[in-house]
Amino acid sequence: DSTKAHALSGKLKKRNLAAKSLGDLIKKSDFVIESASSGVSADIARKAISRGRDCLIMSVGGLLAASDIFALAREKGCSLHIPSGAICGIDGLKAHALARIRKVTLTTTKPPQALKDSPYVSRNKINLGAINKATEIFSGSAFDAVTYFPQNINVAATLSLAGIGGEKTRVRMVCAPTGGNIHEIEIESEAGRVSVRCENEPSPDNPKTSYLAILSAIAALKRIFDPVKIGT
């Protein structure tokens, strides 16, 4: 959006921030932050890393089937940052991954309006308006979940990448007319068990996104550029 780019240039009192293409934007950047969509996040990460830029990816669902990007980051010596997003417990999952993880399950509950544009809902002709109590509408792998609900469940991809992969990580999607956005995580390994429940408020600017996901990205940036690191 050239209008927003020029407005940002004025706000920061910097010239020539506006770019004519993605390649031009990356070339002008020292650090790349993606917050577009899972449909383009892998391409953005790939192009940024190819140019030697560190990057932070928020639309993590696009990375789940793009393992070449991780190899490319290691080859180029670039850092690929993935924030925890709308969930807590990633630090614990990473520690449990050093033991033998038996299972990772995610149960996500969302209101009908947050799910209305999902490919899975359209394909299966689910009448969300007829749901008057908490109802499971999907159960399957994280890999399938990020395909069917690309705007709703990036956290499933994050859990998969930090744990046992997209095929073994199990996901349930529940539609409920009341209760808001809820993520419940269960982890079992040789090191013990973890249960996490996050009841999130929607972003004031985008009701499909949890406010916590935005705060998580800001916290990740602070961690990246702060010499003091806290947590796993």
C-alpha atoms as a PDB file:
ATOM      1  CA  ASP A   1       0.000   0.000   0.000  1.00  0.00           C
ATOM      2  CA  SER A   2       1.920   3.023  -1.286  1.00  0.00           C
ATOM      3  CA  THR A   3      -0.265   5.484   0.643  1.00  0.00           C
ATOM      4  CA  LYS A   4       0.559   3.826   3.961  1.00  0.00           C
ATOM      5  CA  ALA A   5       4.229   3.558   2.990  1.00  0.00           C
ATOM      6  CA  HIS A   6       4.451   7.288   2.274  1.00  0.00           C
ATOM      7  CA  ALA A   7       2.590   8.052   5.507  1.00  0.00           C
ATOM      8  CA  LEU A   8       5.090   5.928   7.429  1.00  0.00           C
ATOM      9  CA  SER A   9       7.976   7.703   5.692  1.00  0.00           C
ATOM     10  CA  GLY A  10       6.610  11.019   6.915  1.00  0.00           C
ATOM     11  CA  LYS A  11       6.014   9.741  10.426  1.00  0.00           C
ATOM     12  CA  LEU A  12       9.561   8.423  10.713  1.00  0.00           C
ATOM     13  CA  LYS A  13      10.998  11.426   8.856  1.00  0.00           C
ATOM     14  CA  LYS A  14      12.719   9.072   6.427  1.00  0.00           C
ATOM     15  CA  ARG A  15      12.816   9.352   2.656  1.00  0.00           C
ATOM     16  CA  ASN A  16      12.371   6.594   0.102  1.00  0.00           C
ATOM     17  CA  LEU A  17      10.733   4.038   2.410  1.00  0.00           C
ATOM     18  CA  ALA A  18       8.083   3.319  -0.212  1.00  0.00           C
ATOM     19  CA  ALA A  19       8.954   0.318  -2.403  1.00  0.00           C
ATOM     20  CA  LYS A  20       7.738  -0.648  -5.869  1.00  0.00           C
ATOM     21  CA  SER A  21       7.906  -4.414  -5.323  1.00  0.00           C
ATOM     22  CA  LEU A  22       8.511  -7.065  -2.674  1.00  0.00           C
ATOM     23  CA  GLY A  23      12.089  -7.445  -3.862  1.00  0.00           C
ATOM     24  CA  ASP A  24      12.637  -3.697  -3.616  1.00  0.00           C
ATOM     25  CA  LEU A  25      11.127  -3.652  -0.131  1.00  0.00           C
ATOM     26  CA  ILE A  26      13.401  -6.452   1.075  1.00  0.00           C
ATOM     27  CA  LYS A  27      16.427  -4.772  -0.497  1.00  0.00           C
ATOM     28  CA  LYS A  28      15.692  -1.590   1.470  1.00  0.00           C
ATOM     29  CA  SER A  29      15.144  -3.482   4.727  1.00  0.00           C
ATOM     30  CA  ASP A  30      17.570  -4.495   7.463  1.00  0.00           C
ATOM     31  CA  PHE A  31      15.027  -6.827   9.076  1.00  0.00           C
ATOM     32  CA  VAL A  32      11.844  -8.208   7.490  1.00  0.00           C
ATOM     33  CA  ILE A  33       8.561  -8.659   9.388  1.00  0.00           C
ATOM     34  CA  GLU A  34       5.759 -10.581   7.635  1.00  0.00           C
ATOM     35  CA  SER A  35       2.151 -10.098   8.743  1.00  0.00           C
ATOM     36  CA  ALA A  36       0.344 -10.617   5.427  1.00  0.00           C
ATOM     37  CA  SER A  37      -1.149 -14.130   5.154  1.00  0.00           C
ATOM     38  CA  SER A  38      -0.144 -17.783   5.177  1.00  0.00           C
ATOM     39  CA  GLY A  39      -0.581 -17.811   1.403  1.00  0.00           C
ATOM     40  CA  VAL A  40       2.458 -15.584   0.892  1.00  0.00           C
ATOM     41  CA  SER A  41       4.497 -15.918   4.098  1.00  0.00           C
ATOM     42  CA  ALA A  42       6.739 -18.713   2.783  1.00  0.00           C
ATOM     43  CA  ASP A  43       7.549 -16.729  -0.363  1.00  0.00           C
ATOM     44  CA  ILE A  44       8.371 -13.626   1.680  1.00  0.00           C
ATOM     45  CA  ALA A  45      10.600 -15.613   4.046  1.00  0.00           C
ATOM     46  CA  ARG A  46      12.348 -17.346   1.163  1.00  0.00           C
ATOM     47  CA  LYS A  47      13.077 -14.086  -0.667  1.00  0.00           C
ATOM     48  CA  ALA A  48      14.214 -12.293   2.490  1.00  0.00           C
ATOM     49  CA  ILE A  49      16.587 -15.070   3.510  1.00  0.00           C
ATOM     50  CA  SER A  50      17.932 -15.407  -0.034  1.00  0.00           C
ATOM     51  CA  ARG A  51      18.975 -11.753   0.236  1.00  0.00           C
ATOM     52  CA  GLY A  52      20.629 -12.389   3.593  1.00  0.00           C
ATOM     53  CA  ARG A  53      17.950 -10.727   5.717  1.00  0.00           C
ATOM     54  CA  ASP A  54      16.810 -11.957   9.110  1.00  0.00           C
ATOM     55  CA  CYS A  55      13.031 -12.107   9.346  1.00  0.00           C
ATOM     56  CA  LEU A  56      10.085 -12.614  11.674  1.00  0.00           C
ATOM     57  CA  ILE A  57       7.105 -14.533  10.306  1.00  0.00           C
ATOM     58  CA  MET A  58       3.661 -14.146  11.885  1.00  0.00           C
ATOM     59  CA  SER A  59       1.642 -16.195   9.342  1.00  0.00           C
ATOM     60  CA  VAL A  60       3.340 -19.401  10.456  1.00  0.00           C
ATOM     61  CA  GLY A  61       0.863 -21.695   8.719  1.00  0.00           C
ATOM     62  CA  GLY A  62       2.585 -20.983   5.421  1.00  0.00           C
ATOM     63  CA  LEU A  63       5.864 -22.417   6.699  1.00  0.00           C
ATOM     64  CA  LEU A  64       4.582 -25.832   7.747  1.00  0.00           C
ATOM     65  CA  ALA A  65       4.946 -27.331   4.261  1.00  0.00           C
ATOM     66  CA  ALA A  66       8.053 -25.306   3.358  1.00  0.00           C
ATOM     67  CA  SER A  67      10.896 -27.128   5.085  1.00  0.00           C
ATOM     68  CA  ASP A  68      13.352 -25.832   2.473  1.00  0.00           C
ATOM     69  CA  ILE A  69      13.167 -22.408   4.114  1.00  0.00           C
ATOM     70  CA  PHE A  70      14.716 -23.706   7.335  1.00  0.00           C
ATOM     71  CA  ALA A  71      17.572 -25.303   5.406  1.00  0.00           C
ATOM     72  CA  LEU A  72      18.022 -22.065   3.450  1.00  0.00           C
ATOM     73  CA  ALA A  73      18.215 -20.013   6.661  1.00  0.00           C
ATOM     74  CA  ARG A  74      20.959 -22.281   8.000  1.00  0.00           C
ATOM     75  CA  GLU A  75      22.807 -22.160   4.687  1.00  0.00           C
ATOM     76  CA  LYS A  76      22.663 -18.344   4.532  1.00  0.00           C
ATOM     77  CA  GLY A  77      23.356 -17.858   8.233  1.00  0.00           C
ATOM     78  CA  CYS A  78      20.099 -15.934   8.664  1.00  0.00           C
ATOM     79  CA  SER A  79      17.763 -15.972  11.648  1.00  0.00           C
ATOM     80  CA  LEU A  80      14.153 -16.974  11.034  1.00  0.00           C
ATOM     81  CA  HIS A  81      12.072 -15.861  14.018  1.00  0.00           C
ATOM     82  CA  ILE A  82       8.672 -17.394  14.800  1.00  0.00           C
ATOM     83  CA  PRO A  83       6.821 -15.759  17.722  1.00  0.00           C
ATOM     84  CA  SER A  84       4.629 -17.799  20.058  1.00  0.00           C
ATOM     85  CA  GLY A  85       1.568 -15.989  18.749  1.00  0.00           C
ATOM     86  CA  ALA A  86      -1.795 -16.408  20.447  1.00  0.00           C
ATOM     87  CA  ILE A  87      -0.677 -19.186  22.802  1.00  0.00           C
ATOM     88  CA  CYS A  88       1.539 -19.743  25.818  1.00  0.00           C
ATOM     89  CA  GLY A  89       3.669 -22.796  26.541  1.00  0.00           C
ATOM     90  CA  ILE A  90       6.034 -22.885  23.550  1.00  0.00           C
ATOM     91  CA  ASP A  91       9.047 -22.691  25.864  1.00  0.00           C
ATOM     92  CA  GLY A  92       7.780 -25.752  27.734  1.00  0.00           C
ATOM     93  CA  LEU A  93       7.072 -27.632  24.502  1.00  0.00           C
ATOM     94  CA  LYS A  94      10.610 -26.975  23.252  1.00  0.00           C
ATOM     95  CA  ALA A  95      11.991 -28.401  26.487  1.00  0.00           C
ATOM     96  CA  HIS A  96       9.680 -31.439  26.334  1.00  0.00           C
ATOM     97  CA  ALA A  97      10.828 -32.028  22.745  1.00  0.00           C
ATOM     98  CA  LEU A  98      14.216 -33.018  24.161  1.00  0.00           C
ATOM     99  CA  ALA A  99      12.446 -35.938  25.853  1.00  0.00           C
ATOM    100  CA  ARG A 100      10.172 -38.330  23.951  1.00  0.00           C
ATOM    101  CA  ILE A 101       6.892 -36.531  23.307  1.00  0.00           C
ATOM    102  CA  ARG A 102       3.925 -38.897  23.315  1.00  0.00           C
ATOM    103  CA  LYS A 103       1.288 -36.430  22.163  1.00  0.00           C
ATOM    104  CA  VAL A 104       0.501 -32.788  21.486  1.00  0.00           C
ATOM    105  CA  THR A 105      -3.127 -31.760  21.112  1.00  0.00           C
ATOM    106  CA  LEU A 106      -4.662 -28.359  20.475  1.00  0.00           C
ATOM    107  CA  THR A 107      -8.332 -27.561  20.978  1.00  0.00           C
ATOM    108  CA  THR A 108      -9.289 -24.177  19.587  1.00  0.00           C
ATOM    109  CA  THR A 109     -12.678 -22.608  20.235  1.00  0.00           C
ATOM    110  CA  LYS A 110     -13.836 -19.646  18.163  1.00  0.00           C
ATOM    111  CA  PRO A 111     -17.113 -17.786  17.575  1.00  0.00           C
ATOM    112  CA  PRO A 112     -18.999 -18.288  14.290  1.00  0.00           C
ATOM    113  CA  GLN A 113     -18.026 -14.908  12.835  1.00  0.00           C
ATOM    114  CA  ALA A 114     -14.327 -15.773  13.099  1.00  0.00           C
ATOM    115  CA  LEU A 115     -14.822 -18.981  11.089  1.00  0.00           C
ATOM    116  CA  LYS A 116     -17.278 -17.870   8.410  1.00  0.00           C
ATOM    117  CA  ASP A 117     -14.691 -17.429   5.628  1.00  0.00           C
ATOM    118  CA  SER A 118     -12.774 -20.648   6.325  1.00  0.00           C
ATOM    119  CA  PRO A 119     -12.337 -23.011   3.340  1.00  0.00           C
ATOM    120  CA  TYR A 120     -13.375 -25.964   5.521  1.00  0.00           C
ATOM    121  CA  VAL A 121     -16.672 -24.315   6.467  1.00  0.00           C
ATOM    122  CA  SER A 122     -17.437 -23.443   2.842  1.00  0.00           C
ATOM    123  CA  ARG A 123     -16.435 -26.846   1.480  1.00  0.00           C
ATOM    124  CA  ASN A 124     -18.557 -28.737   3.993  1.00  0.00           C
ATOM    125  CA  LYS A 125     -21.441 -26.240   3.833  1.00  0.00           C
ATOM    126  CA  ILE A 126     -21.497 -25.840   7.605  1.00  0.00           C
ATOM    127  CA  ASN A 127     -24.312 -23.561   8.756  1.00  0.00           C
ATOM    128  CA  LEU A 128     -22.537 -21.644  11.504  1.00  0.00           C
ATOM    129  CA  GLY A 129     -25.668 -19.622  12.210  1.00  0.00           C
ATOM    130  CA  ALA A 130     -27.461 -22.775  13.323  1.00  0.00           C
ATOM    131  CA  ILE A 131     -24.863 -23.581  16.005  1.00  0.00           C
ATOM    132  CA  ASN A 132     -26.281 -22.669  19.431  1.00  0.00           C
ATOM    133  CA  LYS A 133     -23.772 -24.472  21.664  1.00  0.00           C
ATOM    134  CA  ALA A 134     -20.102 -25.458  21.579  1.00  0.00           C
ATOM    135  CA  THR A 135     -19.783 -27.848  18.608  1.00  0.00           C
ATOM    136  CA  GLU A 136     -16.733 -29.611  17.201  1.00  0.00           C
ATOM    137  CA  ILE A 137     -16.562 -28.935  13.457  1.00  0.00           C
ATOM    138  CA  PHE A 138     -13.094 -30.363  12.724  1.00  0.00           C
ATOM    139  CA  SER A 139     -10.704 -32.947  14.123  1.00  0.00           C
ATOM    140  CA  GLY A 140      -7.461 -33.912  12.425  1.00  0.00           C
ATOM    141  CA  SER A 141      -3.798 -33.149  11.964  1.00  0.00           C
ATOM    142  CA  ALA A 142      -2.254 -29.709  12.363  1.00  0.00           C
ATOM    143  CA  PHE A 143      -1.165 -29.938   8.739  1.00  0.00           C
ATOM    144  CA  ASP A 144      -4.793 -30.225   7.617  1.00  0.00           C
ATOM    145  CA  ALA A 145      -5.952 -27.611  10.127  1.00  0.00           C
ATOM    146  CA  VAL A 146      -3.727 -24.846   8.741  1.00  0.00           C
ATOM    147  CA  THR A 147      -4.959 -25.700   5.233  1.00  0.00           C
ATOM    148  CA  TYR A 148      -8.632 -25.638   6.170  1.00  0.00           C
ATOM    149  CA  PHE A 149      -8.451 -22.652   8.564  1.00  0.00           C
ATOM    150  CA  PRO A 150      -5.605 -20.477   7.206  1.00  0.00           C
ATOM    151  CA  GLN A 151      -6.762 -17.307   8.969  1.00  0.00           C
ATOM    152  CA  ASN A 152      -7.554 -18.863  12.315  1.00  0.00           C
ATOM    153  CA  ILE A 153      -4.996 -21.363  13.472  1.00  0.00           C
ATOM    154  CA  ASN A 154      -1.396 -20.324  12.905  1.00  0.00           C
ATOM    155  CA  VAL A 155      -0.767 -21.543  16.447  1.00  0.00           C
ATOM    156  CA  ALA A 156      -1.172 -25.143  15.235  1.00  0.00           C
ATOM    157  CA  ALA A 157       1.771 -24.628  12.890  1.00  0.00           C
ATOM    158  CA  THR A 158       3.854 -23.063  15.660  1.00  0.00           C
ATOM    159  CA  LEU A 159       3.156 -26.017  17.955  1.00  0.00           C
ATOM    160  CA  SER A 160       4.048 -28.430  15.154  1.00  0.00           C
ATOM    161  CA  LEU A 161       7.365 -26.765  14.349  1.00  0.00           C
ATOM    162  CA  ALA A 162       8.349 -26.614  18.021  1.00  0.00           C
ATOM    163  CA  GLY A 163       7.213 -30.162  18.767  1.00  0.00           C
ATOM    164  CA  ILE A 164       6.455 -33.342  16.816  1.00  0.00           C
ATOM    165  CA  GLY A 165       5.467 -32.057  13.375  1.00  0.00           C
ATOM    166  CA  GLY A 166       2.282 -31.275  11.505  1.00  0.00           C
ATOM    167  CA  GLU A 167       1.079 -34.847  10.994  1.00  0.00           C
ATOM    168  CA  LYS A 168       1.428 -35.972  14.620  1.00  0.00           C
ATOM    169  CA  THR A 169       0.124 -32.805  16.260  1.00  0.00           C
ATOM    170  CA  ARG A 170      -3.636 -33.180  16.652  1.00  0.00           C
ATOM    171  CA  VAL A 171      -6.123 -30.322  16.365  1.00  0.00           C
ATOM    172  CA  ARG A 172      -9.797 -29.899  17.227  1.00  0.00           C
ATOM    173  CA  MET A 173     -11.732 -26.850  16.047  1.00  0.00           C
ATOM    174  CA  VAL A 174     -14.795 -25.985  18.089  1.00  0.00           C
ATOM    175  CA  CYS A 175     -17.358 -23.357  17.139  1.00  0.00           C
ATOM    176  CA  ALA A 176     -19.171 -21.731  20.063  1.00  0.00           C
ATOM    177  CA  PRO A 177     -21.555 -18.756  19.987  1.00  0.00           C
ATOM    178  CA  THR A 178     -20.230 -17.515  23.344  1.00  0.00           C
ATOM    179  CA  GLY A 179     -16.892 -17.621  25.117  1.00  0.00           C
ATOM    180  CA  GLY A 180     -14.542 -15.892  22.672  1.00  0.00           C
ATOM    181  CA  ASN A 181     -11.211 -17.227  21.370  1.00  0.00           C
ATOM    182  CA  ILE A 182      -9.803 -20.085  23.446  1.00  0.00           C
ATOM    183  CA  HIS A 183      -6.750 -22.290  22.864  1.00  0.00           C
ATOM    184  CA  GLU A 184      -6.217 -25.392  25.032  1.00  0.00           C
ATOM    185  CA  ILE A 185      -2.958 -27.316  24.710  1.00  0.00           C
ATOM    186  CA  GLU A 186      -2.097 -30.740  26.122  1.00  0.00           C
ATOM    187  CA  ILE A 187       1.464 -32.081  26.001  1.00  0.00           C
ATOM    188  CA  GLU A 188       2.679 -35.449  27.249  1.00  0.00           C
ATOM    189  CA  SER A 189       6.289 -36.638  27.218  1.00  0.00           C
ATOM    190  CA  GLU A 190       8.754 -38.622  29.275  1.00  0.00           C
ATOM    191  CA  ALA A 191       9.423 -35.387  31.176  1.00  0.00           C
ATOM    192  CA  GLY A 192       5.808 -34.992  32.331  1.00  0.00           C
ATOM    193  CA  ARG A 193       2.557 -33.348  31.320  1.00  0.00           C
ATOM    194  CA  VAL A 194       1.598 -29.781  30.460  1.00  0.00           C
ATOM    195  CA  SER A 195      -1.867 -28.241  30.212  1.00  0.00           C
ATOM    196  CA  VAL A 196      -2.287 -24.688  28.946  1.00  0.00           C
ATOM    197  CA  ARG A 197      -5.497 -22.716  28.457  1.00  0.00           C
ATOM    198  CA  CYS A 198      -5.478 -19.279  26.827  1.00  0.00           C
ATOM    199  CA  GLU A 199      -8.642 -17.171  26.742  1.00  0.00           C
ATOM    200  CA  ASN A 200      -7.815 -14.389  24.315  1.00  0.00           C
ATOM    201  CA  GLU A 201      -9.392 -11.056  23.514  1.00  0.00           C
ATOM    202  CA  PRO A 202      -9.634 -10.178  19.799  1.00  0.00           C
ATOM    203  CA  SER A 203      -7.408  -7.518  18.301  1.00  0.00           C
ATOM    204  CA  PRO A 204      -9.113  -4.096  18.258  1.00  0.00           C
ATOM    205  CA  ASP A 205      -8.021  -3.714  14.618  1.00  0.00           C
ATOM    206  CA  ASN A 206      -8.682  -7.263  13.347  1.00  0.00           C
ATOM    207  CA  PRO A 207     -11.247  -9.410  15.208  1.00  0.00           C
ATOM    208  CA  LYS A 208      -9.982 -12.564  13.445  1.00  0.00           C
ATOM    209  CA  THR A 209      -6.641 -12.158  15.232  1.00  0.00           C
ATOM    210  CA  SER A 210      -6.052 -12.424  18.966  1.00  0.00           C
ATOM    211  CA  TYR A 211      -4.598  -9.338  20.623  1.00  0.00           C
ATOM    212  CA  LEU A 212      -2.047 -11.655  22.256  1.00  0.00           C
ATOM    213  CA  ALA A 213      -0.648 -12.588  18.817  1.00  0.00           C
ATOM    214  CA  ILE A 214       0.249  -8.955  18.163  1.00  0.00           C
ATOM    215  CA  LEU A 215       1.744  -8.503  21.621  1.00  0.00           C
ATOM    216  CA  SER A 216       3.719 -11.720  21.104  1.00  0.00           C
ATOM    217  CA  ALA A 217       5.313 -10.312  17.949  1.00  0.00           C
ATOM    218  CA  ILE A 218       6.274  -7.127  19.788  1.00  0.00           C
ATOM    219  CA  ALA A 219       7.708  -9.186  22.659  1.00  0.00           C
ATOM    220  CA  ALA A 220       9.659 -11.296  20.147  1.00  0.00           C
ATOM    221  CA  LEU A 221      11.191  -8.167  18.622  1.00  0.00           C
ATOM    222  CA  LYS A 222      12.188  -6.933  22.078  1.00  0.00           C
ATOM    223  CA  ARG A 223      13.831 -10.300  22.784  1.00  0.00           C
ATOM    224  CA  ILE A 224      15.682 -10.275  19.454  1.00  0.00           C
ATOM    225  CA  PHE A 225      17.197  -6.839  19.968  1.00  0.00           C
ATOM    226  CA  ASP A 226      17.638  -6.896  23.757  1.00  0.00           C
ATOM    227  CA  PRO A 227      20.969  -8.318  24.988  1.00  0.00           C
ATOM    228  CA  VAL A 228      19.181  -9.857  28.008  1.00  0.00           C
ATOM    229  CA  LYS A 229      17.250 -13.025  27.078  1.00  0.00           C
ATOM    230  CA  ILE A 230      14.649 -14.448  29.484  1.00  0.00           C
ATOM    231  CA  GLY A 231      12.996 -17.839  28.992  1.00  0.00           C
ATOM    232  CA  THR A 232      13.833 -20.908  26.963  1.00  0.00           C
END
